[in-house]
PDB file of N, CA and C in Angstrom:
ATOM      1  N   UNK A   1      70.650  15.423   2.819  1.00  0.00           N
ATOM      2  CA  UNK A   1      70.245  14.078   2.869  1.00  0.00           C
ATOM      3  C   UNK A   1      69.155  13.858   3.923  1.00  0.00           C
ATOM      4  N   UNK A   2      69.342  14.533   5.080  1.00  0.00           N
ATOM      5  CA  UNK A   2      68.300  14.394   6.172  1.00  0.00           C
ATOM      6  C   UNK A   2      66.961  14.954   5.740  1.00  0.00           C
ATOM      7  N   UNK A   3      66.989  15.998   4.928  1.00  0.00           N
ATOM      8  CA  UNK A   3      65.828  16.660   4.403  1.00  0.00           C
ATOM      9  C   UNK A   3      65.068  15.683   3.528  1.00  0.00           C
ATOM     10  N   UNK A   4      65.809  14.979   2.637  1.00  0.00           N
ATOM     11  CA  UNK A   4      65.199  14.062   1.680  1.00  0.00           C
ATOM     12  C   UNK A   4      64.630  12.909   2.467  1.00  0.00           C
ATOM     13  N   UNK A   5      65.288  12.350   3.516  1.00  0.00           N
ATOM     14  CA  UNK A   5      64.774  11.244   4.266  1.00  0.00           C
ATOM     15  C   UNK A   5      63.593  11.652   5.006  1.00  0.00           C
ATOM     16  N   UNK A   6      63.551  12.866   5.536  1.00  0.00           N
ATOM     17  CA  UNK A   6      62.347  13.318   6.286  1.00  0.00           C
ATOM     18  C   UNK A   6      61.179  13.460   5.340  1.00  0.00           C
ATOM     19  N   UNK A   7      61.450  13.968   4.131  1.00  0.00           N
ATOM     20  CA  UNK A   7      60.357  14.155   3.179  1.00  0.00           C
ATOM     21  C   UNK A   7      59.815  12.759   2.739  1.00  0.00           C
ATOM     22  N   UNK A   8      60.691  11.798   2.563  1.00  0.00           N
ATOM     23  CA  UNK A   8      60.278  10.481   2.203  1.00  0.00           C
ATOM     24  C   UNK A   8      59.481   9.832   3.288  1.00  0.00           C
ATOM     25  N   UNK A   9      59.855   9.977   4.493  1.00  0.00           N
ATOM     26  CA  UNK A   9      59.083   9.385   5.627  1.00  0.00           C
ATOM     27  C   UNK A   9      57.680  10.033   5.691  1.00  0.00           C
ATOM     28  N   UNK A  10      57.597  11.373   5.565  1.00  0.00           N
ATOM     29  CA  UNK A  10      56.377  12.022   5.591  1.00  0.00           C
ATOM     30  C   UNK A  10      55.469  11.563   4.456  1.00  0.00           C
ATOM     31  N   UNK A  11      56.036  11.445   3.262  1.00  0.00           N
ATOM     32  CA  UNK A  11      55.273  10.953   2.093  1.00  0.00           C
ATOM     33  C   UNK A  11      54.739   9.543   2.285  1.00  0.00           C
ATOM     34  N   UNK A  12      55.525   8.702   2.844  1.00  0.00           N
ATOM     35  CA  UNK A  12      55.067   7.310   3.073  1.00  0.00           C
ATOM     36  C   UNK A  12      54.127   7.141   4.208  1.00  0.00           C
ATOM     37  N   UNK A  13      54.315   7.909   5.270  1.00  0.00           N
ATOM     38  CA  UNK A  13      53.398   7.746   6.463  1.00  0.00           C
ATOM     39  C   UNK A  13      52.104   8.473   6.298  1.00  0.00           C
ATOM     40  N   UNK A  14      52.057   9.603   5.611  1.00  0.00           N
ATOM     41  CA  UNK A  14      50.910  10.369   5.449  1.00  0.00           C
ATOM     42  C   UNK A  14      49.964   9.757   4.401  1.00  0.00           C
ATOM     43  N   UNK A  15      48.768   9.453   4.759  1.00  0.00           N
ATOM     44  CA  UNK A  15      47.895   8.853   3.792  1.00  0.00           C
ATOM     45  C   UNK A  15      47.530   9.821   2.702  1.00  0.00           C
ATOM     46  N   UNK A  16      47.234   9.342   1.480  1.00  0.00           N
ATOM     47  CA  UNK A  16      46.910  10.242   0.390  1.00  0.00           C
ATOM     48  C   UNK A  16      45.678  10.983   0.793  1.00  0.00           C
ATOM     49  N   UNK A  17      45.581  12.206   0.224  1.00  0.00           N
ATOM     50  CA  UNK A  17      44.437  13.068   0.593  1.00  0.00           C
ATOM     51  C   UNK A  17      43.102  12.396   0.163  1.00  0.00           C
ATOM     52  N   UNK A  18      42.335  12.125   1.168  1.00  0.00           N
ATOM     53  CA  UNK A  18      40.992  11.489   0.900  1.00  0.00           C
ATOM     54  C   UNK A  18      39.964  12.521   0.579  1.00  0.00           C
ATOM     55  N   UNK A  19      38.905  12.040   0.018  1.00  0.00           N
ATOM     56  CA  UNK A  19      37.753  12.924  -0.293  1.00  0.00           C
ATOM     57  C   UNK A  19      37.161  13.414   0.973  1.00  0.00           C
ATOM     58  N   UNK A  20      36.806  14.674   1.128  1.00  0.00           N
ATOM     59  CA  UNK A  20      36.233  15.222   2.351  1.00  0.00           C
ATOM     60  C   UNK A  20      34.972  14.342   2.777  1.00  0.00           C
ATOM     61  N   UNK A  21      34.910  14.155   4.008  1.00  0.00           N
ATOM     62  CA  UNK A  21      33.737  13.401   4.488  1.00  0.00           C
ATOM     63  C   UNK A  21      32.499  14.216   4.401  1.00  0.00           C
ATOM     64  N   UNK A  22      31.410  13.553   3.875  1.00  0.00           N
ATOM     65  CA  UNK A  22      30.112  14.192   3.850  1.00  0.00           C
ATOM     66  C   UNK A  22      29.538  14.177   5.245  1.00  0.00           C
ATOM     67  N   UNK A  23      28.848  15.207   5.614  1.00  0.00           N
ATOM     68  CA  UNK A  23      28.228  15.225   6.991  1.00  0.00           C
ATOM     69  C   UNK A  23      27.129  14.167   7.099  1.00  0.00           C
ATOM     70  N   UNK A  24      27.056  13.491   8.165  1.00  0.00           N
ATOM     71  CA  UNK A  24      25.956  12.571   8.414  1.00  0.00           C
ATOM     72  C   UNK A  24      24.689  13.352   8.704  1.00  0.00           C
ATOM     73  N   UNK A  25      23.523  12.871   8.353  1.00  0.00           N
ATOM     74  CA  UNK A  25      22.270  13.561   8.597  1.00  0.00           C
ATOM     75  C   UNK A  25      22.097  13.938  10.070  1.00  0.00           C
ATOM     76  N   UNK A  26      22.437  12.914  10.928  1.00  0.00           N
ATOM     77  CA  UNK A  26      22.206  13.213  12.367  1.00  0.00           C
ATOM     78  C   UNK A  26      23.074  14.317  12.919  1.00  0.00           C
ATOM     79  N   UNK A  27      24.212  14.633  12.249  1.00  0.00           N
ATOM     80  CA  UNK A  27      25.085  15.763  12.662  1.00  0.00           C
ATOM     81  C   UNK A  27      24.489  17.052  12.351  1.00  0.00           C
ATOM     82  N   UNK A  28      23.567  17.144  11.357  1.00  0.00           N
ATOM     83  CA  UNK A  28      22.959  18.402  11.032  1.00  0.00           C
ATOM     84  C   UNK A  28      21.576  18.553  11.585  1.00  0.00           C
ATOM     85  N   UNK A  29      20.738  17.501  11.524  1.00  0.00           N
ATOM     86  CA  UNK A  29      19.372  17.592  12.045  1.00  0.00           C
ATOM     87  C   UNK A  29      19.224  17.276  13.515  1.00  0.00           C
ATOM     88  N   UNK A  30      20.185  16.593  14.042  1.00  0.00           N
ATOM     89  CA  UNK A  30      20.253  16.285  15.524  1.00  0.00           C
ATOM     90  C   UNK A  30      19.761  14.929  15.972  1.00  0.00           C
ATOM     91  N   UNK A  31      19.281  14.095  15.035  1.00  0.00           N
ATOM     92  CA  UNK A  31      18.922  12.714  15.409  1.00  0.00           C
ATOM     93  C   UNK A  31      19.090  11.856  14.146  1.00  0.00           C
ATOM     94  N   UNK A  32      19.047  10.549  14.459  1.00  0.00           N
ATOM     95  CA  UNK A  32      19.210   9.555  13.326  1.00  0.00           C
ATOM     96  C   UNK A  32      17.940   9.605  12.474  1.00  0.00           C
ATOM     97  N   UNK A  33      18.055   9.594  11.148  1.00  0.00           N
ATOM     98  CA  UNK A  33      16.958   9.578  10.276  1.00  0.00           C
ATOM     99  C   UNK A  33      16.070   8.397  10.605  1.00  0.00           C
ATOM    100  N   UNK A  34      14.748   8.506  10.527  1.00  0.00           N
ATOM    101  CA  UNK A  34      13.792   7.507  10.783  1.00  0.00           C
ATOM    102  C   UNK A  34      13.660   7.116  12.325  1.00  0.00           C
ATOM    103  N   UNK A  35      14.221   8.013  13.158  1.00  0.00           N
ATOM    104  CA  UNK A  35      14.025   7.860  14.560  1.00  0.00           C
ATOM    105  C   UNK A  35      12.590   8.003  14.972  1.00  0.00           C
ATOM    106  N   UNK A  36      12.088   7.214  15.955  1.00  0.00           N
ATOM    107  CA  UNK A  36      10.724   7.367  16.411  1.00  0.00           C
ATOM    108  C   UNK A  36      10.403   8.795  16.876  1.00  0.00           C
ATOM    109  N   UNK A  37       9.210   9.219  16.424  1.00  0.00           N
ATOM    110  CA  UNK A  37       8.701  10.509  16.875  1.00  0.00           C
ATOM    111  C   UNK A  37       9.521  11.725  16.449  1.00  0.00           C
ATOM    112  N   UNK A  38      10.315  11.563  15.481  1.00  0.00           N
ATOM    113  CA  UNK A  38      11.139  12.639  14.955  1.00  0.00           C
ATOM    114  C   UNK A  38      10.912  12.822  13.445  1.00  0.00           C
ATOM    115  N   UNK A  39      10.753  14.100  13.063  1.00  0.00           N
ATOM    116  CA  UNK A  39      10.513  14.404  11.656  1.00  0.00           C
ATOM    117  C   UNK A  39      11.243  15.719  11.434  1.00  0.00           C
ATOM    118  N   UNK A  40      12.140  15.695  10.412  1.00  0.00           N
ATOM    119  CA  UNK A  40      12.932  16.871  10.078  1.00  0.00           C
ATOM    120  C   UNK A  40      11.998  17.946   9.426  1.00  0.00           C
ATOM    121  N   UNK A  41      12.223  19.210   9.627  1.00  0.00           N
ATOM    122  CA  UNK A  41      11.514  20.247   9.013  1.00  0.00           C
ATOM    123  C   UNK A  41      12.106  20.513   7.597  1.00  0.00           C
ATOM    124  N   UNK A  42      11.376  21.289   6.811  1.00  0.00           N
ATOM    125  CA  UNK A  42      11.920  21.632   5.439  1.00  0.00           C
ATOM    126  C   UNK A  42      13.254  22.333   5.609  1.00  0.00           C
ATOM    127  N   UNK A  43      13.303  23.244   6.582  1.00  0.00           N
ATOM    128  CA  UNK A  43      14.536  24.042   6.755  1.00  0.00           C
ATOM    129  C   UNK A  43      15.734  23.122   7.162  1.00  0.00           C
ATOM    130  N   UNK A  44      15.479  22.157   7.957  1.00  0.00           N
ATOM    131  CA  UNK A  44      16.538  21.181   8.389  1.00  0.00           C
ATOM    132  C   UNK A  44      17.002  20.321   7.176  1.00  0.00           C
ATOM    133  N   UNK A  45      16.062  19.903   6.351  1.00  0.00           N
ATOM    134  CA  UNK A  45      16.443  19.122   5.222  1.00  0.00           C
ATOM    135  C   UNK A  45      17.244  19.964   4.147  1.00  0.00           C
ATOM    136  N   UNK A  46      16.756  21.161   3.991  1.00  0.00           N
ATOM    137  CA  UNK A  46      17.467  22.044   3.036  1.00  0.00           C
ATOM    138  C   UNK A  46      18.815  22.371   3.517  1.00  0.00           C
ATOM    139  N   UNK A  47      18.966  22.630   4.883  1.00  0.00           N
ATOM    140  CA  UNK A  47      20.230  22.930   5.541  1.00  0.00           C
ATOM    141  C   UNK A  47      21.207  21.753   5.263  1.00  0.00           C
ATOM    142  N   UNK A  48      20.701  20.536   5.471  1.00  0.00           N
ATOM    143  CA  UNK A  48      21.521  19.274   5.276  1.00  0.00           C
ATOM    144  C   UNK A  48      21.964  19.177   3.841  1.00  0.00           C
ATOM    145  N   UNK A  49      21.031  19.384   2.862  1.00  0.00           N
ATOM    146  CA  UNK A  49      21.399  19.325   1.482  1.00  0.00           C
ATOM    147  C   UNK A  49      22.459  20.356   1.087  1.00  0.00           C
ATOM    148  N   UNK A  50      22.350  21.543   1.635  1.00  0.00           N
ATOM    149  CA  UNK A  50      23.353  22.602   1.321  1.00  0.00           C
ATOM    150  C   UNK A  50      24.725  22.243   1.906  1.00  0.00           C
ATOM    151  N   UNK A  51      24.707  21.734   3.168  1.00  0.00           N
ATOM    152  CA  UNK A  51      25.979  21.319   3.758  1.00  0.00           C
ATOM    153  C   UNK A  51      26.614  20.165   3.014  1.00  0.00           C
ATOM    154  N   UNK A  52      25.769  19.288   2.611  1.00  0.00           N
ATOM    155  CA  UNK A  52      26.309  18.080   1.822  1.00  0.00           C
ATOM    156  C   UNK A  52      26.829  18.526   0.492  1.00  0.00           C
ATOM    157  N   UNK A  53      26.162  19.351  -0.187  1.00  0.00           N
ATOM    158  CA  UNK A  53      26.681  19.832  -1.501  1.00  0.00           C
ATOM    159  C   UNK A  53      27.980  20.607  -1.326  1.00  0.00           C
ATOM    160  N   UNK A  54      28.088  21.347  -0.214  1.00  0.00           N
ATOM    161  CA  UNK A  54      29.330  22.133   0.041  1.00  0.00           C
ATOM    162  C   UNK A  54      30.490  21.187   0.464  1.00  0.00           C
ATOM    163  N   UNK A  55      30.181  20.116   1.096  1.00  0.00           N
ATOM    164  CA  UNK A  55      31.189  19.172   1.536  1.00  0.00           C
ATOM    165  C   UNK A  55      31.838  18.334   0.412  1.00  0.00           C
ATOM    166  N   UNK A  56      30.970  18.014  -0.586  1.00  0.00           N
ATOM    167  CA  UNK A  56      31.396  17.161  -1.727  1.00  0.00           C
ATOM    168  C   UNK A  56      31.022  17.870  -3.030  1.00  0.00           C
ATOM    169  N   UNK A  57      31.604  19.009  -3.371  1.00  0.00           N
ATOM    170  CA  UNK A  57      31.169  19.670  -4.608  1.00  0.00           C
ATOM    171  C   UNK A  57      31.409  18.930  -5.902  1.00  0.00           C
ATOM    172  N   UNK A  58      32.378  18.011  -5.944  1.00  0.00           N
ATOM    173  CA  UNK A  58      32.571  17.202  -7.090  1.00  0.00           C
ATOM    174  C   UNK A  58      31.601  16.118  -7.295  1.00  0.00           C
ATOM    175  N   UNK A  59      30.766  15.836  -6.285  1.00  0.00           N
ATOM    176  CA  UNK A  59      29.784  14.783  -6.340  1.00  0.00           C
ATOM    177  C   UNK A  59      28.340  15.158  -6.320  1.00  0.00           C
ATOM    178  N   UNK A  60      28.050  16.324  -5.741  1.00  0.00           N
ATOM    179  CA  UNK A  60      26.704  16.815  -5.599  1.00  0.00           C
ATOM    180  C   UNK A  60      26.549  18.275  -6.003  1.00  0.00           C
ATOM    181  N   UNK A  61      25.498  18.542  -6.723  1.00  0.00           N
ATOM    182  CA  UNK A  61      25.202  19.928  -7.076  1.00  0.00           C
ATOM    183  C   UNK A  61      23.763  20.191  -6.642  1.00  0.00           C
ATOM    184  N   UNK A  62      23.568  21.398  -6.041  1.00  0.00           N
ATOM    185  CA  UNK A  62      22.245  21.759  -5.606  1.00  0.00           C
ATOM    186  C   UNK A  62      21.628  22.735  -6.651  1.00  0.00           C
ATOM    187  N   UNK A  63      20.464  22.415  -6.989  1.00  0.00           N
ATOM    188  CA  UNK A  63      19.715  23.230  -8.044  1.00  0.00           C
ATOM    189  C   UNK A  63      18.514  23.724  -7.386  1.00  0.00           C
ATOM    190  N   UNK A  64      18.224  24.970  -7.586  1.00  0.00           N
ATOM    191  CA  UNK A  64      16.961  25.565  -7.161  1.00  0.00           C
ATOM    192  C   UNK A  64      15.906  25.407  -8.241  1.00  0.00           C
ATOM    193  N   UNK A  65      14.835  24.692  -7.987  1.00  0.00           N
ATOM    194  CA  UNK A  65      13.787  24.360  -8.958  1.00  0.00           C
ATOM    195  C   UNK A  65      12.659  25.345  -9.066  1.00  0.00           C
ATOM    196  N   UNK A  66      12.600  26.284  -8.153  1.00  0.00           N
ATOM    197  CA  UNK A  66      11.496  27.259  -8.181  1.00  0.00           C
ATOM    198  C   UNK A  66      11.014  27.371  -6.742  1.00  0.00           C
ATOM    199  N   UNK A  67       9.709  27.754  -6.648  1.00  0.00           N
ATOM    200  CA  UNK A  67       9.117  28.031  -5.304  1.00  0.00           C
ATOM    201  C   UNK A  67       8.137  26.907  -4.978  1.00  0.00           C
ATOM    202  N   UNK A  68       8.033  26.612  -3.695  1.00  0.00           N
ATOM    203  CA  UNK A  68       6.995  25.694  -3.215  1.00  0.00           C
ATOM    204  C   UNK A  68       5.685  26.492  -3.152  1.00  0.00           C
ATOM    205  N   UNK A  69       4.595  25.742  -2.768  1.00  0.00           N
ATOM    206  CA  UNK A  69       3.257  26.365  -2.616  1.00  0.00           C
ATOM    207  C   UNK A  69       3.328  27.283  -1.401  1.00  0.00           C
ATOM    208  N   UNK A  70       4.267  27.102  -0.487  1.00  0.00           N
ATOM    209  CA  UNK A  70       4.382  27.987   0.660  1.00  0.00           C
ATOM    210  C   UNK A  70       5.361  29.118   0.388  1.00  0.00           C
ATOM    211  N   UNK A  71       5.870  29.229  -0.771  1.00  0.00           N
ATOM    212  CA  UNK A  71       6.803  30.352  -1.194  1.00  0.00           C
ATOM    213  C   UNK A  71       8.234  30.138  -0.897  1.00  0.00           C
ATOM    214  N   UNK A  72       8.584  28.910  -0.469  1.00  0.00           N
ATOM    215  CA  UNK A  72       9.985  28.610  -0.173  1.00  0.00           C
ATOM    216  C   UNK A  72      10.724  28.186  -1.393  1.00  0.00           C
ATOM    217  N   UNK A  73      12.018  28.306  -1.425  1.00  0.00           N
ATOM    218  CA  UNK A  73      12.877  27.911  -2.513  1.00  0.00           C
ATOM    219  C   UNK A  73      12.888  26.313  -2.442  1.00  0.00           C
ATOM    220  N   UNK A  74      12.502  25.717  -3.577  1.00  0.00           N
ATOM    221  CA  UNK A  74      12.575  24.217  -3.653  1.00  0.00           C
ATOM    222  C   UNK A  74      13.951  23.830  -4.247  1.00  0.00           C
ATOM    223  N   UNK A  75      14.668  22.959  -3.530  1.00  0.00           N
ATOM    224  CA  UNK A  75      15.956  22.519  -4.019  1.00  0.00           C
ATOM    225  C   UNK A  75      15.944  21.089  -4.353  1.00  0.00           C
ATOM    226  N   UNK A  76      16.836  20.781  -5.262  1.00  0.00           N
ATOM    227  CA  UNK A  76      17.041  19.339  -5.742  1.00  0.00           C
ATOM    228  C   UNK A  76      18.547  19.142  -5.763  1.00  0.00           C
ATOM    229  N   UNK A  77      18.931  17.961  -5.176  1.00  0.00           N
ATOM    230  CA  UNK A  77      20.324  17.596  -5.194  1.00  0.00           C
ATOM    231  C   UNK A  77      20.559  16.666  -6.321  1.00  0.00           C
ATOM    232  N   UNK A  78      21.580  16.999  -7.186  1.00  0.00           N
ATOM    233  CA  UNK A  78      22.017  16.131  -8.270  1.00  0.00           C
ATOM    234  C   UNK A  78      23.322  15.472  -7.855  1.00  0.00           C
ATOM    235  N   UNK A  79      23.270  14.123  -7.789  1.00  0.00           N
ATOM    236  CA  UNK A  79      24.477  13.377  -7.312  1.00  0.00           C
ATOM    237  C   UNK A  79      25.090  12.770  -8.573  1.00  0.00           C
ATOM    238  N   UNK A  80      26.442  12.884  -8.647  1.00  0.00           N
ATOM    239  CA  UNK A  80      27.149  12.355  -9.772  1.00  0.00           C
ATOM    240  C   UNK A  80      28.265  11.518  -9.398  1.00  0.00           C
ATOM    241  N   UNK A  81      28.804  10.741 -10.277  1.00  0.00           N
ATOM    242  CA  UNK A  81      29.972   9.962 -10.106  1.00  0.00           C
ATOM    243  C   UNK A  81      31.161  10.935  -9.895  1.00  0.00           C
ATOM    244  N   UNK A  82      32.119  10.402  -9.084  1.00  0.00           N
ATOM    245  CA  UNK A  82      33.269  11.215  -8.772  1.00  0.00           C
ATOM    246  C   UNK A  82      34.024  11.652 -10.046  1.00  0.00           C
ATOM    247  N   UNK A  83      34.182  12.896 -10.239  1.00  0.00           N
ATOM    248  CA  UNK A  83      34.961  13.437 -11.353  1.00  0.00           C
ATOM    249  C   UNK A  83      34.297  13.536 -12.658  1.00  0.00           C
ATOM    250  N   UNK A  84      33.087  12.976 -12.826  1.00  0.00           N
ATOM    251  CA  UNK A  84      32.434  13.075 -14.112  1.00  0.00           C
ATOM    252  C   UNK A  84      31.661  14.339 -14.349  1.00  0.00           C
ATOM    253  N   UNK A  85      31.060  14.837 -13.231  1.00  0.00           N
ATOM    254  CA  UNK A  85      30.199  15.992 -13.368  1.00  0.00           C
ATOM    255  C   UNK A  85      28.883  15.711 -14.060  1.00  0.00           C
ATOM    256  N   UNK A  86      28.644  14.434 -14.364  1.00  0.00           N
ATOM    257  CA  UNK A  86      27.331  14.100 -14.907  1.00  0.00           C
ATOM    258  C   UNK A  86      26.581  13.309 -13.875  1.00  0.00           C
ATOM    259  N   UNK A  87      25.303  13.517 -13.847  1.00  0.00           N
ATOM    260  CA  UNK A  87      24.501  12.843 -12.883  1.00  0.00           C
ATOM    261  C   UNK A  87      24.479  11.261 -13.225  1.00  0.00           C
ATOM    262  N   UNK A  88      24.701  10.565 -12.203  1.00  0.00           N
ATOM    263  CA  UNK A  88      24.775   9.086 -12.421  1.00  0.00           C
ATOM    264  C   UNK A  88      23.475   8.520 -12.941  1.00  0.00           C
ATOM    265  N   UNK A  89      23.592   7.866 -14.107  1.00  0.00           N
ATOM    266  CA  UNK A  89      22.416   7.280 -14.673  1.00  0.00           C
ATOM    267  C   UNK A  89      21.627   8.108 -15.666  1.00  0.00           C
ATOM    268  N   UNK A  90      21.782   9.436 -15.544  1.00  0.00           N
ATOM    269  CA  UNK A  90      20.909  10.282 -16.383  1.00  0.00           C
ATOM    270  C   UNK A  90      21.346  10.240 -17.877  1.00  0.00           C
ATOM    271  N   UNK A  91      22.582   9.762 -18.137  1.00  0.00           N
ATOM    272  CA  UNK A  91      22.934   9.633 -19.542  1.00  0.00           C
ATOM    273  C   UNK A  91      22.354   8.301 -20.176  1.00  0.00           C
ATOM    274  N   UNK A  92      21.833   7.532 -19.318  1.00  0.00           N
ATOM    275  CA  UNK A  92      21.189   6.229 -19.808  1.00  0.00           C
ATOM    276  C   UNK A  92      19.860   6.556 -20.454  1.00  0.00           C
ATOM    277  N   UNK A  93      19.653   6.140 -21.677  1.00  0.00           N
ATOM    278  CA  UNK A  93      18.448   6.398 -22.383  1.00  0.00           C
ATOM    279  C   UNK A  93      17.146   5.966 -21.547  1.00  0.00           C
ATOM    280  N   UNK A  94      17.245   4.842 -20.881  1.00  0.00           N
ATOM    281  CA  UNK A  94      16.100   4.362 -20.113  1.00  0.00           C
ATOM    282  C   UNK A  94      15.798   5.326 -18.968  1.00  0.00           C
ATOM    283  N   UNK A  95      16.765   5.957 -18.353  1.00  0.00           N
ATOM    284  CA  UNK A  95      16.520   6.898 -17.266  1.00  0.00           C
ATOM    285  C   UNK A  95      15.795   8.141 -17.875  1.00  0.00           C
ATOM    286  N   UNK A  96      16.193   8.555 -19.067  1.00  0.00           N
ATOM    287  CA  UNK A  96      15.540   9.686 -19.686  1.00  0.00           C
ATOM    288  C   UNK A  96      14.034   9.385 -19.942  1.00  0.00           C
ATOM    289  N   UNK A  97      13.766   8.140 -20.379  1.00  0.00           N
ATOM    290  CA  UNK A  97      12.391   7.748 -20.590  1.00  0.00           C
ATOM    291  C   UNK A  97      11.619   7.784 -19.296  1.00  0.00           C
ATOM    292  N   UNK A  98      12.123   7.276 -18.235  1.00  0.00           N
ATOM    293  CA  UNK A  98      11.461   7.275 -16.962  1.00  0.00           C
ATOM    294  C   UNK A  98      11.202   8.718 -16.473  1.00  0.00           C
ATOM    295  N   UNK A  99      12.234   9.578 -16.603  1.00  0.00           N
ATOM    296  CA  UNK A  99      12.140  10.927 -16.219  1.00  0.00           C
ATOM    297  C   UNK A  99      11.098  11.738 -16.948  1.00  0.00           C
ATOM    298  N   UNK A 100      10.913  11.422 -18.210  1.00  0.00           N
ATOM    299  CA  UNK A 100       9.916  12.177 -18.985  1.00  0.00           C
ATOM    300  C   UNK A 100       8.497  11.822 -18.558  1.00  0.00           C
ATOM    301  N   UNK A 101       8.371  10.662 -18.000  1.00  0.00           N
ATOM    302  CA  UNK A 101       7.005  10.217 -17.608  1.00  0.00           C
ATOM    303  C   UNK A 101       6.640  10.568 -16.149  1.00  0.00           C
ATOM    304  N   UNK A 102       7.527  11.181 -15.456  1.00  0.00           N
ATOM    305  CA  UNK A 102       7.245  11.495 -14.017  1.00  0.00           C
ATOM    306  C   UNK A 102       6.517  12.786 -13.950  1.00  0.00           C
TER     307      UNK A 102
END
């Protein structure tokens, strides 16, 4: 009986498992985005994207698009709705039209 009561208290008091927190940009690059006289390097931005994708794998996927003119790997983050695995808005025909013209 005591074991059941203890399990019930733990179940009620413990919050449901929340989605892991995505890292804030300033925790990775070292300052608030858009801070005066601060500009993140390509490496810092890529590092942030990789950490963000690792923190929320169900919401963001990192895709390597090829090489930049400087020979670096160009990455793109695809953000999706929770649990769908589809990029938010990309299934919309209007989004496809816009994407084809970019």
